[in-house]
Amino acid sequence: MISVTSDFLGTLASIIGAMMGMGYWSLVIRDIVSALFVFILTWIFCKWRPGLPRQSSEVNKLVKFGLNSVGFYIVNYFSNYMDKAIIGKKFGSEPLGFYSRAYYIAVTPSSFMSQSLFHVAVSTLSKLREDKKKFQAYYHNALSLISFVGMPFSAFIIILNKELVYISLGKKWAPTAGLFAILGISAGLYIIYQPNGGLHVSLGRSDRWFKWGILSAVVLVSGFLIGMLISIKAIAWAYTISIVILTIPSILYAGKPISIPFSLLAKAISKNTLAAIISGLVFWQIKYHFLDTISLIPRVIISFAIFAIIYLLILALFHRGIKPIYEYFLQIKSGLLGK
């Protein structure tokens, strides 16, 4: 709730800033206002207050854990914003605005879902780390659930990139659509990739999390620097390709202390991923031949309904029944990830 409220207020401040003619500074205001309200709301709702430190072995462990976690967040923050810095420096404020909006509408829903999973997963997995089988079963369940939502989400926004940009930003932001489609390819994987930190934290291995943050930053920034030599779209492709490259290794590395195998990952996401790809290809043809002449908002609504039906039917064929799909919806409704 804190994250959603802060993002909403930051976006509102950005819109007001843009209406007042503040240009690219309205994008800066969004991040500042969002961060400010995260601090204010956390201070209000969290009853813990810092006090004077006490020296002990347990405190030292907590300090090391915290420092490694902070180290990851610092490295991750700068690597995630390096693409915007490069675009602003190399191509100017207008292209930066197009890229920033494309990134925001492609990644923000994924980030919200992954962060929600992160907090739930850490709480539960921390209690299960002494029982490898239960730990792996829970994580498999979580991965399967988020791929059920994330993979079709990615396919849908790729196909309807123009329509979603026109609805959310307006037709004057048309150049954003191409960037949005490229970034949308990684949206589903990002939901799977981002919560890998939950494995590190629940296992008490923030040191490994920090190391992974450094490695992922090197991959991302290297891609951005190469893309900078070509075009803005190349930078968007660099981000997407980096997420594709990093996702599976990130989970295997995070799960190594508790022996999470590749087979668990493949079993959790393969059917949902394949169903999303096939559904996307089928729906793309339907949209091209029958839906593109319909007015904007009805087109999006009808498209969503048709795509969802195709996806669920294909998934039911893969599972040879609707029971797993029914269980997914029960888990989403309860918010307990199968607990």
C-alpha atoms as a PDB file:
ATOM      1  CA  MET A   1       0.000   0.000   0.000  1.00  0.00           C
ATOM      2  CA  ILE A   2       2.881   2.370   0.810  1.00  0.00           C
ATOM      3  CA  SER A   3       4.495   1.643  -2.559  1.00  0.00           C
ATOM      4  CA  VAL A   4       1.254   2.083  -4.515  1.00  0.00           C
ATOM      5  CA  THR A   5       0.348   5.327  -2.726  1.00  0.00           C
ATOM      6  CA  SER A   6       3.850   6.755  -3.159  1.00  0.00           C
ATOM      7  CA  ASP A   7       3.963   5.875  -6.862  1.00  0.00           C
ATOM      8  CA  PHE A   8       0.524   7.426  -7.383  1.00  0.00           C
ATOM      9  CA  LEU A   9       1.477  10.676  -5.629  1.00  0.00           C
ATOM     10  CA  GLY A  10       4.788  10.811  -7.498  1.00  0.00           C
ATOM     11  CA  THR A  11       3.033  10.337 -10.837  1.00  0.00           C
ATOM     12  CA  LEU A  12       0.436  12.972  -9.907  1.00  0.00           C
ATOM     13  CA  ALA A  13       3.216  15.428  -9.031  1.00  0.00           C
ATOM     14  CA  SER A  14       4.901  14.655 -12.358  1.00  0.00           C
ATOM     15  CA  ILE A  15       1.692  15.344 -14.293  1.00  0.00           C
ATOM     16  CA  ILE A  16       1.174  18.639 -12.458  1.00  0.00           C
ATOM     17  CA  GLY A  17       4.792  19.579 -13.161  1.00  0.00           C
ATOM     18  CA  ALA A  18       4.375  18.806 -16.857  1.00  0.00           C
ATOM     19  CA  MET A  19       1.183  20.912 -16.997  1.00  0.00           C
ATOM     20  CA  MET A  20       3.134  23.792 -15.430  1.00  0.00           C
ATOM     21  CA  GLY A  21       5.722  23.579 -18.207  1.00  0.00           C
ATOM     22  CA  MET A  22       8.561  22.074 -16.177  1.00  0.00           C
ATOM     23  CA  GLY A  23       9.618  19.764 -19.017  1.00  0.00           C
ATOM     24  CA  TYR A  24      11.959  16.900 -18.158  1.00  0.00           C
ATOM     25  CA  TRP A  25      12.193  18.145 -14.560  1.00  0.00           C
ATOM     26  CA  SER A  26       8.693  16.741 -14.061  1.00  0.00           C
ATOM     27  CA  LEU A  27      10.254  13.266 -14.405  1.00  0.00           C
ATOM     28  CA  VAL A  28      12.751  14.138 -11.671  1.00  0.00           C
ATOM     29  CA  ILE A  29       9.941  15.421  -9.456  1.00  0.00           C
ATOM     30  CA  ARG A  30       8.109  12.085  -9.765  1.00  0.00           C
ATOM     31  CA  ASP A  31      11.043  10.151  -8.309  1.00  0.00           C
ATOM     32  CA  ILE A  32      11.685  12.709  -5.556  1.00  0.00           C
ATOM     33  CA  VAL A  33       8.033  12.868  -4.461  1.00  0.00           C
ATOM     34  CA  SER A  34       7.664   9.066  -4.572  1.00  0.00           C
ATOM     35  CA  ALA A  35      10.779   8.566  -2.440  1.00  0.00           C
ATOM     36  CA  LEU A  36       9.681  11.284  -0.006  1.00  0.00           C
ATOM     37  CA  PHE A  37       6.282   9.678   0.566  1.00  0.00           C
ATOM     38  CA  VAL A  38       7.834   6.219   0.976  1.00  0.00           C
ATOM     39  CA  PHE A  39       9.865   7.719   3.829  1.00  0.00           C
ATOM     40  CA  ILE A  40       6.923   9.612   5.363  1.00  0.00           C
ATOM     41  CA  LEU A  41       4.445   6.721   5.176  1.00  0.00           C
ATOM     42  CA  THR A  42       6.978   4.185   6.430  1.00  0.00           C
ATOM     43  CA  TRP A  43       7.745   6.433   9.405  1.00  0.00           C
ATOM     44  CA  ILE A  44       4.025   6.765  10.148  1.00  0.00           C
ATOM     45  CA  PHE A  45       3.059   3.099   9.864  1.00  0.00           C
ATOM     46  CA  CYS A  46       6.233   1.434  11.177  1.00  0.00           C
ATOM     47  CA  LYS A  47       6.312   1.731  14.972  1.00  0.00           C
ATOM     48  CA  TRP A  48      10.003   0.831  15.299  1.00  0.00           C
ATOM     49  CA  ARG A  49      12.303   3.770  15.960  1.00  0.00           C
ATOM     50  CA  PRO A  50      16.114   3.675  15.751  1.00  0.00           C
ATOM     51  CA  GLY A  51      18.142   3.941  18.940  1.00  0.00           C
ATOM     52  CA  LEU A  52      21.777   3.893  20.004  1.00  0.00           C
ATOM     53  CA  PRO A  53      23.717   0.855  18.676  1.00  0.00           C
ATOM     54  CA  ARG A  54      24.908  -1.969  20.942  1.00  0.00           C
ATOM     55  CA  GLN A  55      28.007  -4.017  20.190  1.00  0.00           C
ATOM     56  CA  SER A  56      27.601  -7.828  20.112  1.00  0.00           C
ATOM     57  CA  SER A  57      28.185 -10.752  17.748  1.00  0.00           C
ATOM     58  CA  GLU A  58      24.494 -10.869  16.844  1.00  0.00           C
ATOM     59  CA  VAL A  59      24.434  -7.142  16.160  1.00  0.00           C
ATOM     60  CA  ASN A  60      27.544  -7.495  13.981  1.00  0.00           C
ATOM     61  CA  LYS A  61      25.796 -10.179  11.910  1.00  0.00           C
ATOM     62  CA  LEU A  62      22.788  -7.921  11.482  1.00  0.00           C
ATOM     63  CA  VAL A  63      25.004  -4.993  10.497  1.00  0.00           C
ATOM     64  CA  LYS A  64      26.823  -7.092   7.873  1.00  0.00           C
ATOM     65  CA  PHE A  65      23.509  -8.363   6.554  1.00  0.00           C
ATOM     66  CA  GLY A  66      22.174  -4.807   6.365  1.00  0.00           C
ATOM     67  CA  LEU A  67      25.299  -3.398   4.726  1.00  0.00           C
ATOM     68  CA  ASN A  68      25.228  -6.051   2.014  1.00  0.00           C
ATOM     69  CA  SER A  69      21.532  -5.373   1.423  1.00  0.00           C
ATOM     70  CA  VAL A  70      22.139  -1.631   1.198  1.00  0.00           C
ATOM     71  CA  GLY A  71      25.071  -2.314  -1.118  1.00  0.00           C
ATOM     72  CA  PHE A  72      22.790  -4.252  -3.451  1.00  0.00           C
ATOM     73  CA  TYR A  73      20.151  -1.518  -3.471  1.00  0.00           C
ATOM     74  CA  ILE A  74      22.737   1.171  -4.239  1.00  0.00           C
ATOM     75  CA  VAL A  75      24.291  -0.790  -7.105  1.00  0.00           C
ATOM     76  CA  ASN A  76      20.868  -1.817  -8.406  1.00  0.00           C
ATOM     77  CA  TYR A  77      19.559   1.748  -8.272  1.00  0.00           C
ATOM     78  CA  PHE A  78      22.399   3.201 -10.309  1.00  0.00           C
ATOM     79  CA  SER A  79      22.400   0.377 -12.858  1.00  0.00           C
ATOM     80  CA  ASN A  80      18.635   0.684 -13.355  1.00  0.00           C
ATOM     81  CA  TYR A  81      18.851   4.429 -13.925  1.00  0.00           C
ATOM     82  CA  MET A  82      21.987   4.400 -16.044  1.00  0.00           C
ATOM     83  CA  ASP A  83      19.975   3.916 -19.248  1.00  0.00           C
ATOM     84  CA  LYS A  84      18.021   7.117 -18.566  1.00  0.00           C
ATOM     85  CA  ALA A  85      21.210   9.027 -17.743  1.00  0.00           C
ATOM     86  CA  ILE A  86      22.878   7.845 -20.953  1.00  0.00           C
ATOM     87  CA  ILE A  87      19.853   8.697 -23.105  1.00  0.00           C
ATOM     88  CA  GLY A  88      19.503  12.146 -21.531  1.00  0.00           C
ATOM     89  CA  LYS A  89      23.184  12.890 -22.071  1.00  0.00           C
ATOM     90  CA  LYS A  90      23.488  11.405 -25.551  1.00  0.00           C
ATOM     91  CA  PHE A  91      20.102  12.054 -27.178  1.00  0.00           C
ATOM     92  CA  GLY A  92      18.486  14.881 -25.176  1.00  0.00           C
ATOM     93  CA  SER A  93      15.372  15.472 -23.086  1.00  0.00           C
ATOM     94  CA  GLU A  94      12.645  14.645 -25.633  1.00  0.00           C
ATOM     95  CA  PRO A  95      13.917  11.122 -26.454  1.00  0.00           C
ATOM     96  CA  LEU A  96      14.495  10.635 -22.729  1.00  0.00           C
ATOM     97  CA  GLY A  97      10.849  11.475 -22.111  1.00  0.00           C
ATOM     98  CA  PHE A  98       9.680   8.894 -24.647  1.00  0.00           C
ATOM     99  CA  TYR A  99      11.975   6.212 -23.227  1.00  0.00           C
ATOM    100  CA  SER A 100      11.166   7.049 -19.608  1.00  0.00           C
ATOM    101  CA  ARG A 101       7.411   6.774 -20.211  1.00  0.00           C
ATOM    102  CA  ALA A 102       7.830   3.509 -22.137  1.00  0.00           C
ATOM    103  CA  TYR A 103       9.943   2.084 -19.331  1.00  0.00           C
ATOM    104  CA  TYR A 104       7.497   3.250 -16.693  1.00  0.00           C
ATOM    105  CA  ILE A 105       4.353   1.721 -18.189  1.00  0.00           C
ATOM    106  CA  ALA A 106       6.177  -1.504 -19.156  1.00  0.00           C
ATOM    107  CA  VAL A 107       8.133  -2.125 -15.964  1.00  0.00           C
ATOM    108  CA  THR A 108       6.027  -0.538 -13.194  1.00  0.00           C
ATOM    109  CA  PRO A 109       3.258  -3.201 -13.197  1.00  0.00           C
ATOM    110  CA  SER A 110       5.935  -5.916 -13.262  1.00  0.00           C
ATOM    111  CA  SER A 111       7.855  -4.207 -10.471  1.00  0.00           C
ATOM    112  CA  PHE A 112       4.729  -3.868  -8.340  1.00  0.00           C
ATOM    113  CA  MET A 113       3.883  -7.562  -8.711  1.00  0.00           C
ATOM    114  CA  SER A 114       7.454  -8.684  -8.074  1.00  0.00           C
ATOM    115  CA  GLN A 115       7.853  -6.476  -5.004  1.00  0.00           C
ATOM    116  CA  SER A 116       4.592  -7.781  -3.574  1.00  0.00           C
ATOM    117  CA  LEU A 117       5.858 -11.327  -4.068  1.00  0.00           C
ATOM    118  CA  PHE A 118       9.248 -10.438  -2.562  1.00  0.00           C
ATOM    119  CA  HIS A 119       7.784  -9.363   0.776  1.00  0.00           C
ATOM    120  CA  VAL A 120       5.404 -12.323   1.021  1.00  0.00           C
ATOM    121  CA  ALA A 121       8.071 -14.816  -0.059  1.00  0.00           C
ATOM    122  CA  VAL A 122      10.714 -13.583   2.397  1.00  0.00           C
ATOM    123  CA  SER A 123       8.321 -13.933   5.311  1.00  0.00           C
ATOM    124  CA  THR A 124       7.315 -17.490   4.415  1.00  0.00           C
ATOM    125  CA  LEU A 125      10.583 -18.837   2.999  1.00  0.00           C
ATOM    126  CA  SER A 126      12.527 -17.668   6.056  1.00  0.00           C
ATOM    127  CA  LYS A 127      10.419 -20.040   8.158  1.00  0.00           C
ATOM    128  CA  LEU A 128      10.985 -22.937   5.738  1.00  0.00           C
ATOM    129  CA  ARG A 129      14.736 -22.746   5.144  1.00  0.00           C
ATOM    130  CA  GLU A 130      15.441 -25.648   7.512  1.00  0.00           C
ATOM    131  CA  ASP A 131      13.143 -27.866   5.432  1.00  0.00           C
ATOM    132  CA  LYS A 132      14.547 -28.072   1.903  1.00  0.00           C
ATOM    133  CA  LYS A 133      11.586 -29.919   0.380  1.00  0.00           C
ATOM    134  CA  LYS A 134       8.973 -27.508   1.723  1.00  0.00           C
ATOM    135  CA  PHE A 135      11.147 -24.538   0.755  1.00  0.00           C
ATOM    136  CA  GLN A 136      11.496 -25.785  -2.815  1.00  0.00           C
ATOM    137  CA  ALA A 137       7.802 -26.665  -3.053  1.00  0.00           C
ATOM    138  CA  TYR A 138       6.755 -23.194  -1.928  1.00  0.00           C
ATOM    139  CA  TYR A 139       9.169 -21.482  -4.295  1.00  0.00           C
ATOM    140  CA  HIS A 140       8.003 -23.669  -7.191  1.00  0.00           C
ATOM    141  CA  ASN A 141       4.436 -22.678  -6.380  1.00  0.00           C
ATOM    142  CA  ALA A 142       5.348 -18.993  -6.286  1.00  0.00           C
ATOM    143  CA  LEU A 143       7.236 -19.119  -9.595  1.00  0.00           C
ATOM    144  CA  SER A 144       4.408 -20.994 -11.263  1.00  0.00           C
ATOM    145  CA  LEU A 145       1.847 -18.464 -10.065  1.00  0.00           C
ATOM    146  CA  ILE A 146       3.756 -15.370 -11.159  1.00  0.00           C
ATOM    147  CA  SER A 147       4.560 -16.886 -14.556  1.00  0.00           C
ATOM    148  CA  PHE A 148       0.837 -17.621 -14.958  1.00  0.00           C
ATOM    149  CA  VAL A 149       0.213 -13.872 -14.664  1.00  0.00           C
ATOM    150  CA  GLY A 150       3.474 -12.406 -15.942  1.00  0.00           C
ATOM    151  CA  MET A 151       3.994 -14.258 -19.208  1.00  0.00           C
ATOM    152  CA  PRO A 152       0.589 -13.492 -20.772  1.00  0.00           C
ATOM    153  CA  PHE A 153       0.884  -9.919 -19.472  1.00  0.00           C
ATOM    154  CA  SER A 154       4.109  -9.570 -21.446  1.00  0.00           C
ATOM    155  CA  ALA A 155       2.626 -11.069 -24.619  1.00  0.00           C
ATOM    156  CA  PHE A 156      -0.474  -8.877 -24.402  1.00  0.00           C
ATOM    157  CA  ILE A 157       1.347  -5.548 -24.000  1.00  0.00           C
ATOM    158  CA  ILE A 158       3.708  -6.367 -26.876  1.00  0.00           C
ATOM    159  CA  ILE A 159       0.797  -6.887 -29.276  1.00  0.00           C
ATOM    160  CA  LEU A 160      -1.248  -3.918 -28.030  1.00  0.00           C
ATOM    161  CA  ASN A 161       1.705  -1.561 -27.564  1.00  0.00           C
ATOM    162  CA  LYS A 162       0.208   1.337 -29.554  1.00  0.00           C
ATOM    163  CA  GLU A 163      -3.262   1.029 -28.082  1.00  0.00           C
ATOM    164  CA  LEU A 164      -1.987   0.937 -24.489  1.00  0.00           C
ATOM    165  CA  VAL A 165       0.299   3.923 -25.070  1.00  0.00           C
ATOM    166  CA  TYR A 166      -2.533   5.932 -26.650  1.00  0.00           C
ATOM    167  CA  ILE A 167      -4.848   5.173 -23.727  1.00  0.00           C
ATOM    168  CA  SER A 168      -2.327   5.772 -20.938  1.00  0.00           C
ATOM    169  CA  LEU A 169      -0.347   8.673 -22.430  1.00  0.00           C
ATOM    170  CA  GLY A 170      -2.181  10.008 -25.487  1.00  0.00           C
ATOM    171  CA  LYS A 171      -1.421   9.891 -29.218  1.00  0.00           C
ATOM    172  CA  LYS A 172       1.251  12.582 -28.978  1.00  0.00           C
ATOM    173  CA  TRP A 173       3.374   9.937 -27.238  1.00  0.00           C
ATOM    174  CA  ALA A 174       3.227   7.628 -30.284  1.00  0.00           C
ATOM    175  CA  PRO A 175       7.059   7.300 -30.506  1.00  0.00           C
ATOM    176  CA  THR A 176       6.888   5.609 -27.096  1.00  0.00           C
ATOM    177  CA  ALA A 177       5.007   2.609 -28.530  1.00  0.00           C
ATOM    178  CA  GLY A 178       7.986   0.991 -30.256  1.00  0.00           C
ATOM    179  CA  LEU A 179      10.130   1.300 -27.138  1.00  0.00           C
ATOM    180  CA  PHE A 180       7.245   0.002 -25.032  1.00  0.00           C
ATOM    181  CA  ALA A 181       6.961  -3.111 -27.213  1.00  0.00           C
ATOM    182  CA  ILE A 182      10.694  -3.841 -26.899  1.00  0.00           C
ATOM    183  CA  LEU A 183      10.691  -3.379 -23.128  1.00  0.00           C
ATOM    184  CA  GLY A 184       7.468  -5.382 -22.913  1.00  0.00           C
ATOM    185  CA  ILE A 185       9.330  -8.498 -24.058  1.00  0.00           C
ATOM    186  CA  SER A 186      11.161  -8.538 -20.733  1.00  0.00           C
ATOM    187  CA  ALA A 187       8.138  -7.579 -18.597  1.00  0.00           C
ATOM    188  CA  GLY A 188       7.054 -11.146 -17.837  1.00  0.00           C
ATOM    189  CA  LEU A 189      10.596 -12.316 -17.148  1.00  0.00           C
ATOM    190  CA  TYR A 190      11.191  -9.294 -14.913  1.00  0.00           C
ATOM    191  CA  ILE A 191       8.409 -10.472 -12.596  1.00  0.00           C
ATOM    192  CA  ILE A 192      10.318 -13.752 -12.232  1.00  0.00           C
ATOM    193  CA  TYR A 193      13.772 -12.159 -12.131  1.00  0.00           C
ATOM    194  CA  GLN A 194      13.264  -9.426  -9.569  1.00  0.00           C
ATOM    195  CA  PRO A 195      12.072 -11.544  -6.577  1.00  0.00           C
ATOM    196  CA  ASN A 196      15.256 -13.661  -6.665  1.00  0.00           C
ATOM    197  CA  GLY A 197      16.384 -11.356  -3.875  1.00  0.00           C
ATOM    198  CA  GLY A 198      13.749 -13.037  -1.727  1.00  0.00           C
ATOM    199  CA  LEU A 199      15.789 -16.236  -1.918  1.00  0.00           C
ATOM    200  CA  HIS A 200      18.979 -14.487  -0.819  1.00  0.00           C
ATOM    201  CA  VAL A 201      17.303 -12.659   2.049  1.00  0.00           C
ATOM    202  CA  SER A 202      15.264 -15.615   3.312  1.00  0.00           C
ATOM    203  CA  LEU A 203      18.430 -17.743   3.362  1.00  0.00           C
ATOM    204  CA  GLY A 204      20.340 -15.033   5.215  1.00  0.00           C
ATOM    205  CA  ARG A 205      22.796 -14.595   2.338  1.00  0.00           C
ATOM    206  CA  SER A 206      22.706 -10.911   1.554  1.00  0.00           C
ATOM    207  CA  ASP A 207      26.416 -11.193   0.715  1.00  0.00           C
ATOM    208  CA  ARG A 208      25.523 -13.309  -2.317  1.00  0.00           C
ATOM    209  CA  TRP A 209      22.749 -10.840  -3.180  1.00  0.00           C
ATOM    210  CA  PHE A 210      25.252  -7.968  -3.216  1.00  0.00           C
ATOM    211  CA  LYS A 211      27.636  -9.943  -5.435  1.00  0.00           C
ATOM    212  CA  TRP A 212      24.817 -10.701  -7.844  1.00  0.00           C
ATOM    213  CA  GLY A 213      23.879  -7.023  -7.872  1.00  0.00           C
ATOM    214  CA  ILE A 214      27.402  -6.127  -8.987  1.00  0.00           C
ATOM    215  CA  LEU A 215      27.385  -8.781 -11.724  1.00  0.00           C
ATOM    216  CA  SER A 216      23.953  -7.778 -13.026  1.00  0.00           C
ATOM    217  CA  ALA A 217      24.981  -4.106 -12.984  1.00  0.00           C
ATOM    218  CA  VAL A 218      28.014  -4.898 -15.136  1.00  0.00           C
ATOM    219  CA  VAL A 219      25.815  -6.754 -17.646  1.00  0.00           C
ATOM    220  CA  LEU A 220      23.160  -4.016 -17.775  1.00  0.00           C
ATOM    221  CA  VAL A 221      25.512  -1.043 -17.987  1.00  0.00           C
ATOM    222  CA  SER A 222      27.695  -2.777 -20.589  1.00  0.00           C
ATOM    223  CA  GLY A 223      24.593  -3.312 -22.700  1.00  0.00           C
ATOM    224  CA  PHE A 224      23.547   0.326 -22.306  1.00  0.00           C
ATOM    225  CA  LEU A 225      26.986   1.576 -23.347  1.00  0.00           C
ATOM    226  CA  ILE A 226      26.934  -0.604 -26.453  1.00  0.00           C
ATOM    227  CA  GLY A 227      23.372   0.466 -27.265  1.00  0.00           C
ATOM    228  CA  MET A 228      24.348   4.122 -26.861  1.00  0.00           C
ATOM    229  CA  LEU A 229      26.559   3.798 -29.931  1.00  0.00           C
ATOM    230  CA  ILE A 230      23.574   2.764 -32.060  1.00  0.00           C
ATOM    231  CA  SER A 231      20.208   4.254 -31.021  1.00  0.00           C
ATOM    232  CA  ILE A 232      17.633   4.604 -28.257  1.00  0.00           C
ATOM    233  CA  LYS A 233      15.921   1.426 -29.437  1.00  0.00           C
ATOM    234  CA  ALA A 234      19.248  -0.358 -29.107  1.00  0.00           C
ATOM    235  CA  ILE A 235      19.379   0.709 -25.452  1.00  0.00           C
ATOM    236  CA  ALA A 236      15.865  -0.678 -24.955  1.00  0.00           C
ATOM    237  CA  TRP A 237      16.977  -3.919 -26.603  1.00  0.00           C
ATOM    238  CA  ALA A 238      20.052  -3.966 -24.353  1.00  0.00           C
ATOM    239  CA  TYR A 239      17.810  -3.828 -21.283  1.00  0.00           C
ATOM    240  CA  THR A 240      15.505  -6.566 -22.561  1.00  0.00           C
ATOM    241  CA  ILE A 241      18.327  -8.878 -23.652  1.00  0.00           C
ATOM    242  CA  SER A 242      20.090  -8.354 -20.314  1.00  0.00           C
ATOM    243  CA  ILE A 243      16.978  -9.425 -18.381  1.00  0.00           C
ATOM    244  CA  VAL A 244      16.590 -12.475 -20.645  1.00  0.00           C
ATOM    245  CA  ILE A 245      20.233 -13.429 -20.050  1.00  0.00           C
ATOM    246  CA  LEU A 246      20.158 -12.830 -16.290  1.00  0.00           C
ATOM    247  CA  THR A 247      16.826 -14.356 -15.242  1.00  0.00           C
ATOM    248  CA  ILE A 248      17.603 -18.086 -15.085  1.00  0.00           C
ATOM    249  CA  PRO A 249      21.181 -17.705 -13.741  1.00  0.00           C
ATOM    250  CA  SER A 250      19.903 -15.301 -11.069  1.00  0.00           C
ATOM    251  CA  ILE A 251      17.469 -17.888  -9.697  1.00  0.00           C
ATOM    252  CA  LEU A 252      19.950 -20.767  -9.865  1.00  0.00           C
ATOM    253  CA  TYR A 253      22.616 -18.668  -8.114  1.00  0.00           C
ATOM    254  CA  ALA A 254      20.201 -17.438  -5.437  1.00  0.00           C
ATOM    255  CA  GLY A 255      18.879 -20.955  -4.852  1.00  0.00           C
ATOM    256  CA  LYS A 256      22.273 -22.672  -4.762  1.00  0.00           C
ATOM    257  CA  PRO A 257      22.575 -22.686  -0.923  1.00  0.00           C
ATOM    258  CA  ILE A 258      19.379 -24.730  -0.740  1.00  0.00           C
ATOM    259  CA  SER A 259      19.950 -26.693  -3.977  1.00  0.00           C
ATOM    260  CA  ILE A 260      17.173 -25.349  -6.185  1.00  0.00           C
ATOM    261  CA  PRO A 261      17.660 -27.217  -9.503  1.00  0.00           C
ATOM    262  CA  PHE A 262      17.043 -26.019 -13.044  1.00  0.00           C
ATOM    263  CA  SER A 263      14.346 -28.685 -13.382  1.00  0.00           C
ATOM    264  CA  LEU A 264      12.261 -26.965 -10.687  1.00  0.00           C
ATOM    265  CA  LEU A 265      12.461 -23.670 -12.559  1.00  0.00           C
ATOM    266  CA  ALA A 266      11.619 -25.285 -15.903  1.00  0.00           C
ATOM    267  CA  LYS A 267       8.671 -27.178 -14.462  1.00  0.00           C
ATOM    268  CA  ALA A 268       7.317 -24.039 -12.782  1.00  0.00           C
ATOM    269  CA  ILE A 269       7.294 -21.707 -15.787  1.00  0.00           C
ATOM    270  CA  SER A 270       7.536 -23.768 -19.003  1.00  0.00           C
ATOM    271  CA  LYS A 271       3.825 -24.457 -19.622  1.00  0.00           C
ATOM    272  CA  ASN A 272       2.723 -20.925 -18.764  1.00  0.00           C
ATOM    273  CA  THR A 273       5.466 -19.429 -20.925  1.00  0.00           C
ATOM    274  CA  LEU A 274       4.728 -21.627 -23.933  1.00  0.00           C
ATOM    275  CA  ALA A 275       0.980 -21.032 -23.585  1.00  0.00           C
ATOM    276  CA  ALA A 276       1.576 -17.261 -23.517  1.00  0.00           C
ATOM    277  CA  ILE A 277       3.760 -17.383 -26.648  1.00  0.00           C
ATOM    278  CA  ILE A 278       1.278 -19.501 -28.615  1.00  0.00           C
ATOM    279  CA  SER A 279      -1.645 -17.363 -27.413  1.00  0.00           C
ATOM    280  CA  GLY A 280       0.195 -14.239 -28.480  1.00  0.00           C
ATOM    281  CA  LEU A 281       0.844 -15.571 -31.982  1.00  0.00           C
ATOM    282  CA  VAL A 282      -2.765 -16.718 -32.435  1.00  0.00           C
ATOM    283  CA  PHE A 283      -4.223 -13.498 -31.054  1.00  0.00           C
ATOM    284  CA  TRP A 284      -1.861 -11.357 -33.153  1.00  0.00           C
ATOM    285  CA  GLN A 285      -3.398 -12.836 -36.310  1.00  0.00           C
ATOM    286  CA  ILE A 286      -6.935 -12.357 -34.986  1.00  0.00           C
ATOM    287  CA  LYS A 287      -6.224  -8.737 -34.103  1.00  0.00           C
ATOM    288  CA  TYR A 288      -4.582  -8.000 -37.447  1.00  0.00           C
ATOM    289  CA  HIS A 289      -7.449  -9.426 -39.504  1.00  0.00           C
ATOM    290  CA  PHE A 290     -10.509  -8.549 -37.413  1.00  0.00           C
ATOM    291  CA  LEU A 291      -9.878  -6.014 -34.632  1.00  0.00           C
ATOM    292  CA  ASP A 292      -7.644  -3.218 -35.943  1.00  0.00           C
ATOM    293  CA  THR A 293     -10.577  -1.336 -37.482  1.00  0.00           C
ATOM    294  CA  ILE A 294     -12.506  -1.136 -34.185  1.00  0.00           C
ATOM    295  CA  SER A 295     -12.307   2.090 -32.163  1.00  0.00           C
ATOM    296  CA  LEU A 296      -9.587   2.276 -29.533  1.00  0.00           C
ATOM    297  CA  ILE A 297     -11.154   1.491 -26.147  1.00  0.00           C
ATOM    298  CA  PRO A 298     -13.564  -1.233 -27.365  1.00  0.00           C
ATOM    299  CA  ARG A 299     -10.618  -2.758 -29.249  1.00  0.00           C
ATOM    300  CA  VAL A 300      -8.562  -3.034 -26.066  1.00  0.00           C
ATOM    301  CA  ILE A 301     -11.453  -4.482 -24.047  1.00  0.00           C
ATOM    302  CA  ILE A 302     -12.370  -7.035 -26.722  1.00  0.00           C
ATOM    303  CA  SER A 303      -8.699  -7.869 -27.258  1.00  0.00           C
ATOM    304  CA  PHE A 304      -8.190  -8.556 -23.577  1.00  0.00           C
ATOM    305  CA  ALA A 305     -11.212 -10.857 -23.444  1.00  0.00           C
ATOM    306  CA  ILE A 306     -10.217 -12.808 -26.568  1.00  0.00           C
ATOM    307  CA  PHE A 307      -6.574 -13.104 -25.537  1.00  0.00           C
ATOM    308  CA  ALA A 308      -7.498 -14.289 -22.032  1.00  0.00           C
ATOM    309  CA  ILE A 309      -9.834 -16.954 -23.417  1.00  0.00           C
ATOM    310  CA  ILE A 310      -7.211 -18.221 -25.878  1.00  0.00           C
ATOM    311  CA  TYR A 311      -4.531 -18.310 -23.176  1.00  0.00           C
ATOM    312  CA  LEU A 312      -6.692 -20.187 -20.675  1.00  0.00           C
ATOM    313  CA  LEU A 313      -7.854 -22.696 -23.299  1.00  0.00           C
ATOM    314  CA  ILE A 314      -4.303 -23.459 -24.411  1.00  0.00           C
ATOM    315  CA  LEU A 315      -3.164 -23.725 -20.803  1.00  0.00           C
ATOM    316  CA  ALA A 316      -6.026 -26.125 -20.065  1.00  0.00           C
ATOM    317  CA  LEU A 317      -4.862 -28.290 -22.977  1.00  0.00           C
ATOM    318  CA  PHE A 318      -1.311 -28.323 -21.620  1.00  0.00           C
ATOM    319  CA  HIS A 319      -2.517 -29.276 -18.137  1.00  0.00           C
ATOM    320  CA  ARG A 320      -5.155 -31.673 -19.510  1.00  0.00           C
ATOM    321  CA  GLY A 321      -7.778 -30.047 -17.356  1.00  0.00           C
ATOM    322  CA  ILE A 322      -8.729 -26.834 -15.570  1.00  0.00           C
ATOM    323  CA  LYS A 323      -7.801 -27.826 -12.015  1.00  0.00           C
ATOM    324  CA  PRO A 324      -4.349 -26.113 -12.022  1.00  0.00           C
ATOM    325  CA  ILE A 325      -5.915 -22.974 -13.501  1.00  0.00           C
ATOM    326  CA  TYR A 326      -8.630 -22.998 -10.851  1.00  0.00           C
ATOM    327  CA  GLU A 327      -5.932 -23.319  -8.179  1.00  0.00           C
ATOM    328  CA  TYR A 328      -4.083 -20.337  -9.655  1.00  0.00           C
ATOM    329  CA  PHE A 329      -7.181 -18.188  -9.286  1.00  0.00           C
ATOM    330  CA  LEU A 330      -7.715 -19.401  -5.727  1.00  0.00           C
ATOM    331  CA  GLN A 331      -4.123 -18.455  -4.883  1.00  0.00           C
ATOM    332  CA  ILE A 332      -4.506 -15.034  -6.457  1.00  0.00           C
ATOM    333  CA  LYS A 333      -7.736 -14.489  -4.548  1.00  0.00           C
ATOM    334  CA  SER A 334      -6.247 -15.520  -1.226  1.00  0.00           C
ATOM    335  CA  GLY A 335      -2.895 -13.821  -1.794  1.00  0.00           C
ATOM    336  CA  LEU A 336      -1.217 -16.661   0.060  1.00  0.00           C
ATOM    337  CA  LEU A 337       0.699 -18.279  -2.808  1.00  0.00           C
ATOM    338  CA  GLY A 338      -0.719 -21.671  -2.039  1.00  0.00           C
ATOM    339  CA  LYS A 339      -0.015 -21.487   1.663  1.00  0.00           C
END
